[in-house]
Every structure is written in structure tokens, then in C-alpha cells.
Amino acid sequence: MRILGNRPRFLPDLARGSDRDTVNARFREQAKQYRLLFQCTDCVYQRASDGLCTVGWPNDGLMAEPVAIIGANGEPLVCKAFEPDGM
């Protein structure tokens, strides 16, 4: 991820001035409304025995509650390897 100054380049809502908590709250509403699958529990790469990612993605942020799309340090919490498990 390319860093500009001290923040990741991809922060569209934050770059327009939206508060991180507001972005996360809106994402939670939309995730529920549209039944979005994006967390490790919905992914084929989550190892059932311990919940870790089999491709090595750090999944602490993706498993956290309440759900967030922007992390505490401003980085997007998305997984590039996510594959829905076909539920």
C-alpha cells in the first residue's frame, strides 16, 4: 500500500473529511442491509481448527466486533485474498 505522509493512499471517505467512526457505522449498516460477506468466518481460507488465515493474512481486524472497515490507525480493513465459502 502506498503511503502519502502518514496515511495510506486509499482512504476515500476519510480524505473527503468523514470521521472514521462515521464511516465504520455506515459500513456496519450497509453490511447488514446487503448481507455482505467479508469477514474471515465467511472465507474458504479460514482454518477451522484455530481460525487463522491459511494464506497468512493478519485477520485480527477482520474478526473484531464491532465490525469496522477502517482501522484505528486509518488503514482499510479488507482482505485481498477473500473468497466466500459458498454458503
PDB file of N, CA and C in Angstrom:
ATOM      1  N   MET A   1       0.854  -1.163   0.000  1.00  0.00           N
ATOM      2  CA  MET A   1       0.000   0.000   0.000  1.00  0.00           C
ATOM      3  C   MET A   1       0.902   1.229   0.000  1.00  0.00           C
ATOM      4  N   ARG A   2       0.656   2.154  -0.862  1.00  0.00           N
ATOM      5  CA  ARG A   2       1.443   3.382  -0.950  1.00  0.00           C
ATOM      6  C   ARG A   2       1.041   4.335   0.181  1.00  0.00           C
ATOM      7  N   ILE A   3       2.022   4.870   0.856  1.00  0.00           N
ATOM      8  CA  ILE A   3       1.765   5.785   1.961  1.00  0.00           C
ATOM      9  C   ILE A   3       2.062   7.214   1.508  1.00  0.00           C
ATOM     10  N   LEU A   4       1.133   8.111   1.755  1.00  0.00           N
ATOM     11  CA  LEU A   4       1.330   9.534   1.498  1.00  0.00           C
ATOM     12  C   LEU A   4       1.364  10.232   2.844  1.00  0.00           C
ATOM     13  N   GLY A   5       2.504  10.777   3.180  1.00  0.00           N
ATOM     14  CA  GLY A   5       2.625  11.376   4.507  1.00  0.00           C
ATOM     15  C   GLY A   5       2.558  10.277   5.553  1.00  0.00           C
ATOM     16  N   ASN A   6       1.594  10.358   6.433  1.00  0.00           N
ATOM     17  CA  ASN A   6       1.455   9.329   7.463  1.00  0.00           C
ATOM     18  C   ASN A   6       0.154   8.547   7.329  1.00  0.00           C
ATOM     19  N   ARG A   7      -0.510   8.631   6.157  1.00  0.00           N
ATOM     20  CA  ARG A   7      -1.758   7.891   5.978  1.00  0.00           C
ATOM     21  C   ARG A   7      -1.739   7.109   4.669  1.00  0.00           C
ATOM     22  N   PRO A   8      -2.394   5.953   4.624  1.00  0.00           N
ATOM     23  CA  PRO A   8      -2.464   5.185   3.378  1.00  0.00           C
ATOM     24  C   PRO A   8      -3.125   5.993   2.271  1.00  0.00           C
ATOM     25  N   ARG A   9      -2.738   5.724   1.054  1.00  0.00           N
ATOM     26  CA  ARG A   9      -3.257   6.454  -0.100  1.00  0.00           C
ATOM     27  C   ARG A   9      -4.755   6.243  -0.274  1.00  0.00           C
ATOM     28  N   PHE A  10      -5.249   5.021  -0.050  1.00  0.00           N
ATOM     29  CA  PHE A  10      -6.657   4.729  -0.274  1.00  0.00           C
ATOM     30  C   PHE A  10      -7.472   4.967   0.992  1.00  0.00           C
ATOM     31  N   LEU A  11      -8.011   6.136   1.118  1.00  0.00           N
ATOM     32  CA  LEU A  11      -8.918   6.469   2.202  1.00  0.00           C
ATOM     33  C   LEU A  11      -9.942   7.443   1.656  1.00  0.00           C
ATOM     34  N   PRO A  12     -10.786   7.009   0.722  1.00  0.00           N
ATOM     35  CA  PRO A  12     -11.649   7.970   0.036  1.00  0.00           C
ATOM     36  C   PRO A  12     -12.586   8.745   0.945  1.00  0.00           C
ATOM     37  N   ASP A  13     -13.267   8.101   1.853  1.00  0.00           N
ATOM     38  CA  ASP A  13     -14.210   8.815   2.707  1.00  0.00           C
ATOM     39  C   ASP A  13     -13.486   9.692   3.716  1.00  0.00           C
ATOM     40  N   LEU A  14     -12.391   9.196   4.260  1.00  0.00           N
ATOM     41  CA  LEU A  14     -11.641   9.989   5.214  1.00  0.00           C
ATOM     42  C   LEU A  14     -10.987  11.176   4.527  1.00  0.00           C
ATOM     43  N   ALA A  15     -10.534  10.979   3.306  1.00  0.00           N
ATOM     44  CA  ALA A  15      -9.901  12.076   2.575  1.00  0.00           C
ATOM     45  C   ALA A  15     -10.902  13.191   2.286  1.00  0.00           C
ATOM     46  N   ARG A  16     -12.170  12.850   2.191  1.00  0.00           N
ATOM     47  CA  ARG A  16     -13.203  13.861   1.968  1.00  0.00           C
ATOM     48  C   ARG A  16     -13.679  14.487   3.267  1.00  0.00           C
ATOM     49  N   GLY A  17     -13.103  14.064   4.380  1.00  0.00           N
ATOM     50  CA  GLY A  17     -13.417  14.691   5.648  1.00  0.00           C
ATOM     51  C   GLY A  17     -14.341  13.895   6.556  1.00  0.00           C
ATOM     52  N   SER A  18     -14.754  12.708   6.152  1.00  0.00           N
ATOM     53  CA  SER A  18     -15.625  11.907   7.006  1.00  0.00           C
ATOM     54  C   SER A  18     -14.841  11.338   8.184  1.00  0.00           C
ATOM     55  N   ASP A  19     -15.468  11.291   9.315  1.00  0.00           N
ATOM     56  CA  ASP A  19     -14.894  10.730  10.525  1.00  0.00           C
ATOM     57  C   ASP A  19     -14.837   9.205  10.406  1.00  0.00           C
ATOM     58  N   ARG A  20     -13.739   8.600  10.893  1.00  0.00           N
ATOM     59  CA  ARG A  20     -13.562   7.146  10.823  1.00  0.00           C
ATOM     60  C   ARG A  20     -14.728   6.403  11.485  1.00  0.00           C
ATOM     61  N   ASP A  21     -15.191   6.871  12.640  1.00  0.00           N
ATOM     62  CA  ASP A  21     -16.296   6.196  13.324  1.00  0.00           C
ATOM     63  C   ASP A  21     -17.586   6.281  12.510  1.00  0.00           C
ATOM     64  N   THR A  22     -17.793   7.397  11.823  1.00  0.00           N
ATOM     65  CA  THR A  22     -18.970   7.556  10.969  1.00  0.00           C
ATOM     66  C   THR A  22     -18.909   6.603   9.786  1.00  0.00           C
ATOM     67  N   VAL A  23     -17.726   6.478   9.174  1.00  0.00           N
ATOM     68  CA  VAL A  23     -17.538   5.555   8.049  1.00  0.00           C
ATOM     69  C   VAL A  23     -17.800   4.130   8.510  1.00  0.00           C
ATOM     70  N   ASN A  24     -17.259   3.746   9.659  1.00  0.00           N
ATOM     71  CA  ASN A  24     -17.452   2.390  10.174  1.00  0.00           C
ATOM     72  C   ASN A  24     -18.915   2.114  10.508  1.00  0.00           C
ATOM     73  N   ALA A  25     -19.596   3.072  11.096  1.00  0.00           N
ATOM     74  CA  ALA A  25     -21.018   2.894  11.430  1.00  0.00           C
ATOM     75  C   ALA A  25     -21.847   2.713  10.161  1.00  0.00           C
ATOM     76  N   ARG A  26     -21.563   3.510   9.156  1.00  0.00           N
ATOM     77  CA  ARG A  26     -22.292   3.381   7.891  1.00  0.00           C
ATOM     78  C   ARG A  26     -22.012   2.038   7.238  1.00  0.00           C
ATOM     79  N   PHE A  27     -20.758   1.599   7.290  1.00  0.00           N
ATOM     80  CA  PHE A  27     -20.418   0.297   6.728  1.00  0.00           C
ATOM     81  C   PHE A  27     -21.167  -0.817   7.447  1.00  0.00           C
ATOM     82  N   ARG A  28     -21.253  -0.746   8.785  1.00  0.00           N
ATOM     83  CA  ARG A  28     -21.994  -1.771   9.538  1.00  0.00           C
ATOM     84  C   ARG A  28     -23.450  -1.833   9.092  1.00  0.00           C
ATOM     85  N   GLU A  29     -24.067  -0.673   8.887  1.00  0.00           N
ATOM     86  CA  GLU A  29     -25.455  -0.633   8.417  1.00  0.00           C
ATOM     87  C   GLU A  29     -25.578  -1.275   7.031  1.00  0.00           C
ATOM     88  N   GLN A  30     -24.676  -0.915   6.128  1.00  0.00           N
ATOM     89  CA  GLN A  30     -24.731  -1.443   4.767  1.00  0.00           C
ATOM     90  C   GLN A  30     -24.405  -2.932   4.727  1.00  0.00           C
ATOM     91  N   ALA A  31     -23.469  -3.370   5.545  1.00  0.00           N
ATOM     92  CA  ALA A  31     -23.129  -4.792   5.591  1.00  0.00           C
ATOM     93  C   ALA A  31     -24.330  -5.615   6.033  1.00  0.00           C
ATOM     94  N   LYS A  32     -25.055  -5.106   7.013  1.00  0.00           N
ATOM     95  CA  LYS A  32     -26.260  -5.799   7.473  1.00  0.00           C
ATOM     96  C   LYS A  32     -27.367  -5.735   6.423  1.00  0.00           C
ATOM     97  N   GLN A  33     -27.591  -4.547   5.865  1.00  0.00           N
ATOM     98  CA  GLN A  33     -28.650  -4.349   4.875  1.00  0.00           C
ATOM     99  C   GLN A  33     -28.450  -5.230   3.643  1.00  0.00           C
ATOM    100  N   TYR A  34     -27.231  -5.289   3.133  1.00  0.00           N
ATOM    101  CA  TYR A  34     -26.955  -6.025   1.897  1.00  0.00           C
ATOM    102  C   TYR A  34     -26.393  -7.418   2.135  1.00  0.00           C
ATOM    103  N   ARG A  35     -26.291  -7.805   3.420  1.00  0.00           N
ATOM    104  CA  ARG A  35     -25.778  -9.124   3.804  1.00  0.00           C
ATOM    105  C   ARG A  35     -24.406  -9.388   3.191  1.00  0.00           C
ATOM    106  N   LEU A  36     -23.517  -8.412   3.348  1.00  0.00           N
ATOM    107  CA  LEU A  36     -22.184  -8.517   2.772  1.00  0.00           C
ATOM    108  C   LEU A  36     -21.364  -9.587   3.479  1.00  0.00           C
ATOM    109  N   LEU A  37     -20.652 -10.353   2.710  1.00  0.00           N
ATOM    110  CA  LEU A  37     -19.709 -11.328   3.241  1.00  0.00           C
ATOM    111  C   LEU A  37     -18.314 -10.753   3.067  1.00  0.00           C
ATOM    112  N   PHE A  38     -17.578 -10.600   4.162  1.00  0.00           N
ATOM    113  CA  PHE A  38     -16.244 -10.017   4.086  1.00  0.00           C
ATOM    114  C   PHE A  38     -15.351 -10.453   5.237  1.00  0.00           C
ATOM    115  N   GLN A  39     -15.939 -11.084   6.249  1.00  0.00           N
ATOM    116  CA  GLN A  39     -15.156 -11.478   7.413  1.00  0.00           C
ATOM    117  C   GLN A  39     -14.592 -12.880   7.235  1.00  0.00           C
ATOM    118  N   CYS A  40     -13.582 -13.172   8.004  1.00  0.00           N
ATOM    119  CA  CYS A  40     -12.887 -14.451   7.901  1.00  0.00           C
ATOM    120  C   CYS A  40     -13.828 -15.648   8.071  1.00  0.00           C
ATOM    121  N   THR A  41     -14.825 -15.511   8.918  1.00  0.00           N
ATOM    122  CA  THR A  41     -15.756 -16.618   9.148  1.00  0.00           C
ATOM    123  C   THR A  41     -16.525 -16.989   7.880  1.00  0.00           C
ATOM    124  N   ASP A  42     -16.550 -16.092   6.893  1.00  0.00           N
ATOM    125  CA  ASP A  42     -17.241 -16.341   5.628  1.00  0.00           C
ATOM    126  C   ASP A  42     -16.296 -16.790   4.517  1.00  0.00           C
ATOM    127  N   CYS A  43     -15.030 -16.987   4.824  1.00  0.00           N
ATOM    128  CA  CYS A  43     -13.991 -17.208   3.814  1.00  0.00           C
ATOM    129  C   CYS A  43     -13.486 -18.654   3.814  1.00  0.00           C
ATOM    130  N   VAL A  44     -13.184 -19.160   2.619  1.00  0.00           N
ATOM    131  CA  VAL A  44     -12.667 -20.522   2.488  1.00  0.00           C
ATOM    132  C   VAL A  44     -11.261 -20.672   3.064  1.00  0.00           C
ATOM    133  N   TYR A  45     -10.543 -19.562   3.240  1.00  0.00           N
ATOM    134  CA  TYR A  45      -9.158 -19.640   3.706  1.00  0.00           C
ATOM    135  C   TYR A  45      -9.017 -19.632   5.220  1.00  0.00           C
ATOM    136  N   GLN A  46     -10.117 -19.550   5.955  1.00  0.00           N
ATOM    137  CA  GLN A  46     -10.018 -19.603   7.413  1.00  0.00           C
ATOM    138  C   GLN A  46      -9.887 -21.056   7.850  1.00  0.00           C
ATOM    139  N   ARG A  47      -8.870 -21.333   8.626  1.00  0.00           N
ATOM    140  CA  ARG A  47      -8.635 -22.686   9.128  1.00  0.00           C
ATOM    141  C   ARG A  47      -9.565 -22.939  10.303  1.00  0.00           C
ATOM    142  N   ALA A  48     -10.370 -23.978  10.189  1.00  0.00           N
ATOM    143  CA  ALA A  48     -11.385 -24.275  11.205  1.00  0.00           C
ATOM    144  C   ALA A  48     -10.783 -24.569  12.577  1.00  0.00           C
ATOM    145  N   SER A  49      -9.626 -25.189  12.630  1.00  0.00           N
ATOM    146  CA  SER A  49      -9.053 -25.608  13.911  1.00  0.00           C
ATOM    147  C   SER A  49      -8.689 -24.442  14.825  1.00  0.00           C
ATOM    148  N   ASP A  50      -8.194 -23.347  14.247  1.00  0.00           N
ATOM    149  CA  ASP A  50      -7.763 -22.235  15.102  1.00  0.00           C
ATOM    150  C   ASP A  50      -8.220 -20.863  14.615  1.00  0.00           C
ATOM    151  N   GLY A  51      -8.918 -20.790  13.483  1.00  0.00           N
ATOM    152  CA  GLY A  51      -9.434 -19.527  12.974  1.00  0.00           C
ATOM    153  C   GLY A  51      -8.429 -18.675  12.233  1.00  0.00           C
ATOM    154  N   LEU A  52      -7.193 -19.148  12.108  1.00  0.00           N
ATOM    155  CA  LEU A  52      -6.175 -18.371  11.405  1.00  0.00           C
ATOM    156  C   LEU A  52      -6.364 -18.476   9.896  1.00  0.00           C
ATOM    157  N   CYS A  53      -5.789 -17.528   9.197  1.00  0.00           N
ATOM    158  CA  CYS A  53      -5.871 -17.481   7.735  1.00  0.00           C
ATOM    159  C   CYS A  53      -4.811 -18.400   7.145  1.00  0.00           C
ATOM    160  N   THR A  54      -5.202 -19.291   6.245  1.00  0.00           N
ATOM    161  CA  THR A  54      -4.256 -20.229   5.650  1.00  0.00           C
ATOM    162  C   THR A  54      -3.331 -19.575   4.629  1.00  0.00           C
ATOM    163  N   VAL A  55      -3.633 -18.367   4.168  1.00  0.00           N
ATOM    164  CA  VAL A  55      -2.725 -17.649   3.271  1.00  0.00           C
ATOM    165  C   VAL A  55      -1.922 -16.600   4.031  1.00  0.00           C
ATOM    166  N   GLY A  56      -2.060 -16.549   5.345  1.00  0.00           N
ATOM    167  CA  GLY A  56      -1.242 -15.704   6.190  1.00  0.00           C
ATOM    168  C   GLY A  56      -1.690 -14.263   6.361  1.00  0.00           C
ATOM    169  N   TRP A  57      -2.929 -13.960   5.983  1.00  0.00           N
ATOM    170  CA  TRP A  57      -3.409 -12.591   6.132  1.00  0.00           C
ATOM    171  C   TRP A  57      -3.651 -12.312   7.612  1.00  0.00           C
ATOM    172  N   PRO A  58      -3.182 -11.178   8.131  1.00  0.00           N
ATOM    173  CA  PRO A  58      -3.454 -10.865   9.545  1.00  0.00           C
ATOM    174  C   PRO A  58      -4.940 -10.538   9.712  1.00  0.00           C
ATOM    175  N   ASN A  59      -5.664 -11.378  10.409  1.00  0.00           N
ATOM    176  CA  ASN A  59      -7.121 -11.245  10.433  1.00  0.00           C
ATOM    177  C   ASN A  59      -7.697 -10.712  11.732  1.00  0.00           C
ATOM    178  N   ASP A  60      -6.892 -10.113  12.585  1.00  0.00           N
ATOM    179  CA  ASP A  60      -7.418  -9.561  13.836  1.00  0.00           C
ATOM    180  C   ASP A  60      -8.502  -8.518  13.572  1.00  0.00           C
ATOM    181  N   GLY A  61      -8.252  -7.594  12.674  1.00  0.00           N
ATOM    182  CA  GLY A  61      -9.217  -6.540  12.375  1.00  0.00           C
ATOM    183  C   GLY A  61     -10.468  -7.047  11.697  1.00  0.00           C
ATOM    184  N   LEU A  62     -10.332  -8.109  10.912  1.00  0.00           N
ATOM    185  CA  LEU A  62     -11.487  -8.640  10.199  1.00  0.00           C
ATOM    186  C   LEU A  62     -12.388  -9.490  11.087  1.00  0.00           C
ATOM    187  N   MET A  63     -11.902  -9.878  12.243  1.00  0.00           N
ATOM    188  CA  MET A  63     -12.684 -10.702  13.163  1.00  0.00           C
ATOM    189  C   MET A  63     -13.227  -9.888  14.336  1.00  0.00           C
ATOM    190  N   ALA A  64     -12.862  -8.627  14.402  1.00  0.00           N
ATOM    191  CA  ALA A  64     -13.214  -7.788  15.557  1.00  0.00           C
ATOM    192  C   ALA A  64     -14.698  -7.438  15.581  1.00  0.00           C
ATOM    193  N   GLU A  65     -15.189  -7.184  16.747  1.00  0.00           N
ATOM    194  CA  GLU A  65     -16.532  -6.650  16.952  1.00  0.00           C
ATOM    195  C   GLU A  65     -16.392  -5.362  17.745  1.00  0.00           C
ATOM    196  N   PRO A  66     -17.060  -4.316  17.415  1.00  0.00           N
ATOM    197  CA  PRO A  66     -17.962  -4.205  16.286  1.00  0.00           C
ATOM    198  C   PRO A  66     -17.199  -4.172  14.968  1.00  0.00           C
ATOM    199  N   VAL A  67     -17.873  -4.549  13.917  1.00  0.00           N
ATOM    200  CA  VAL A  67     -17.293  -4.599  12.584  1.00  0.00           C
ATOM    201  C   VAL A  67     -16.797  -3.214  12.181  1.00  0.00           C
ATOM    202  N   ALA A  68     -15.623  -3.171  11.569  1.00  0.00           N
ATOM    203  CA  ALA A  68     -15.060  -1.914  11.082  1.00  0.00           C
ATOM    204  C   ALA A  68     -14.475  -2.131   9.694  1.00  0.00           C
ATOM    205  N   ILE A  69     -14.476  -1.114   8.883  1.00  0.00           N
ATOM    206  CA  ILE A  69     -13.856  -1.163   7.566  1.00  0.00           C
ATOM    207  C   ILE A  69     -12.604  -0.294   7.532  1.00  0.00           C
ATOM    208  N   ILE A  70     -12.491   0.638   8.483  1.00  0.00           N
ATOM    209  CA  ILE A  70     -11.297   1.468   8.628  1.00  0.00           C
ATOM    210  C   ILE A  70     -10.742   1.228  10.025  1.00  0.00           C
ATOM    211  N   GLY A  71      -9.479   0.832  10.097  1.00  0.00           N
ATOM    212  CA  GLY A  71      -8.863   0.514  11.371  1.00  0.00           C
ATOM    213  C   GLY A  71      -8.490   1.728  12.199  1.00  0.00           C
ATOM    214  N   ALA A  72      -8.027   1.466  13.414  1.00  0.00           N
ATOM    215  CA  ALA A  72      -7.693   2.533  14.356  1.00  0.00           C
ATOM    216  C   ALA A  72      -6.600   3.462  13.829  1.00  0.00           C
ATOM    217  N   ASN A  73      -5.668   2.921  13.039  1.00  0.00           N
ATOM    218  CA  ASN A  73      -4.608   3.782  12.514  1.00  0.00           C
ATOM    219  C   ASN A  73      -4.917   4.282  11.102  1.00  0.00           C
ATOM    220  N   GLY A  74      -6.184   4.106  10.664  1.00  0.00           N
ATOM    221  CA  GLY A  74      -6.632   4.676   9.398  1.00  0.00           C
ATOM    222  C   GLY A  74      -6.517   3.785   8.188  1.00  0.00           C
ATOM    223  N   GLU A  75      -6.020   2.571   8.349  1.00  0.00           N
ATOM    224  CA  GLU A  75      -5.869   1.686   7.203  1.00  0.00           C
ATOM    225  C   GLU A  75      -7.173   0.947   6.903  1.00  0.00           C
ATOM    226  N   PRO A  76      -7.443   0.670   5.620  1.00  0.00           N
ATOM    227  CA  PRO A  76      -8.628  -0.116   5.272  1.00  0.00           C
ATOM    228  C   PRO A  76      -8.481  -1.541   5.807  1.00  0.00           C
ATOM    229  N   LEU A  77      -9.542  -2.101   6.346  1.00  0.00           N
ATOM    230  CA  LEU A  77      -9.533  -3.470   6.859  1.00  0.00           C
ATOM    231  C   LEU A  77     -10.247  -4.369   5.861  1.00  0.00           C
ATOM    232  N   VAL A  78      -9.567  -4.684   4.797  1.00  0.00           N
ATOM    233  CA  VAL A  78     -10.121  -5.587   3.797  1.00  0.00           C
ATOM    234  C   VAL A  78      -9.066  -6.625   3.472  1.00  0.00           C
ATOM    235  N   CYS A  79      -9.510  -7.775   3.023  1.00  0.00           N
ATOM    236  CA  CYS A  79      -8.600  -8.862   2.674  1.00  0.00           C
ATOM    237  C   CYS A  79      -8.603  -9.049   1.170  1.00  0.00           C
ATOM    238  N   LYS A  80      -7.419  -8.985   0.581  1.00  0.00           N
ATOM    239  CA  LYS A  80      -7.298  -9.168  -0.866  1.00  0.00           C
ATOM    240  C   LYS A  80      -7.495 -10.620  -1.285  1.00  0.00           C
ATOM    241  N   ALA A  81      -7.364 -11.544  -0.354  1.00  0.00           N
ATOM    242  CA  ALA A  81      -7.471 -12.975  -0.677  1.00  0.00           C
ATOM    243  C   ALA A  81      -8.865 -13.533  -0.400  1.00  0.00           C
ATOM    244  N   PHE A  82      -9.791 -12.733   0.088  1.00  0.00           N
ATOM    245  CA  PHE A  82     -11.118 -13.224   0.494  1.00  0.00           C
ATOM    246  C   PHE A  82     -11.817 -13.986  -0.631  1.00  0.00           C
ATOM    247  N   GLU A  83     -12.285 -15.179  -0.294  1.00  0.00           N
ATOM    248  CA  GLU A  83     -13.111 -15.993  -1.197  1.00  0.00           C
ATOM    249  C   GLU A  83     -14.273 -16.528  -0.361  1.00  0.00           C
ATOM    250  N   PRO A  84     -15.516 -16.189  -0.732  1.00  0.00           N
ATOM    251  CA  PRO A  84     -16.653 -16.700   0.052  1.00  0.00           C
ATOM    252  C   PRO A  84     -16.682 -18.212  -0.001  1.00  0.00           C
ATOM    253  N   ASP A  85     -17.142 -18.812   1.103  1.00  0.00           N
ATOM    254  CA  ASP A  85     -17.107 -20.277   1.183  1.00  0.00           C
ATOM    255  C   ASP A  85     -18.294 -20.964   0.537  1.00  0.00           C
ATOM    256  N   GLY A  86     -19.097 -20.245  -0.200  1.00  0.00           N
ATOM    257  CA  GLY A  86     -20.193 -20.854  -0.951  1.00  0.00           C
ATOM    258  C   GLY A  86     -21.426 -21.155  -0.138  1.00  0.00           C
ATOM    259  N   MET A  87     -21.636 -20.423   0.947  1.00  0.00           N
ATOM    260  CA  MET A  87     -22.786 -20.662   1.815  1.00  0.00           C
ATOM    261  C   MET A  87     -24.074 -20.433   1.095  1.00  0.00           C
TER     262      MET A  87
END
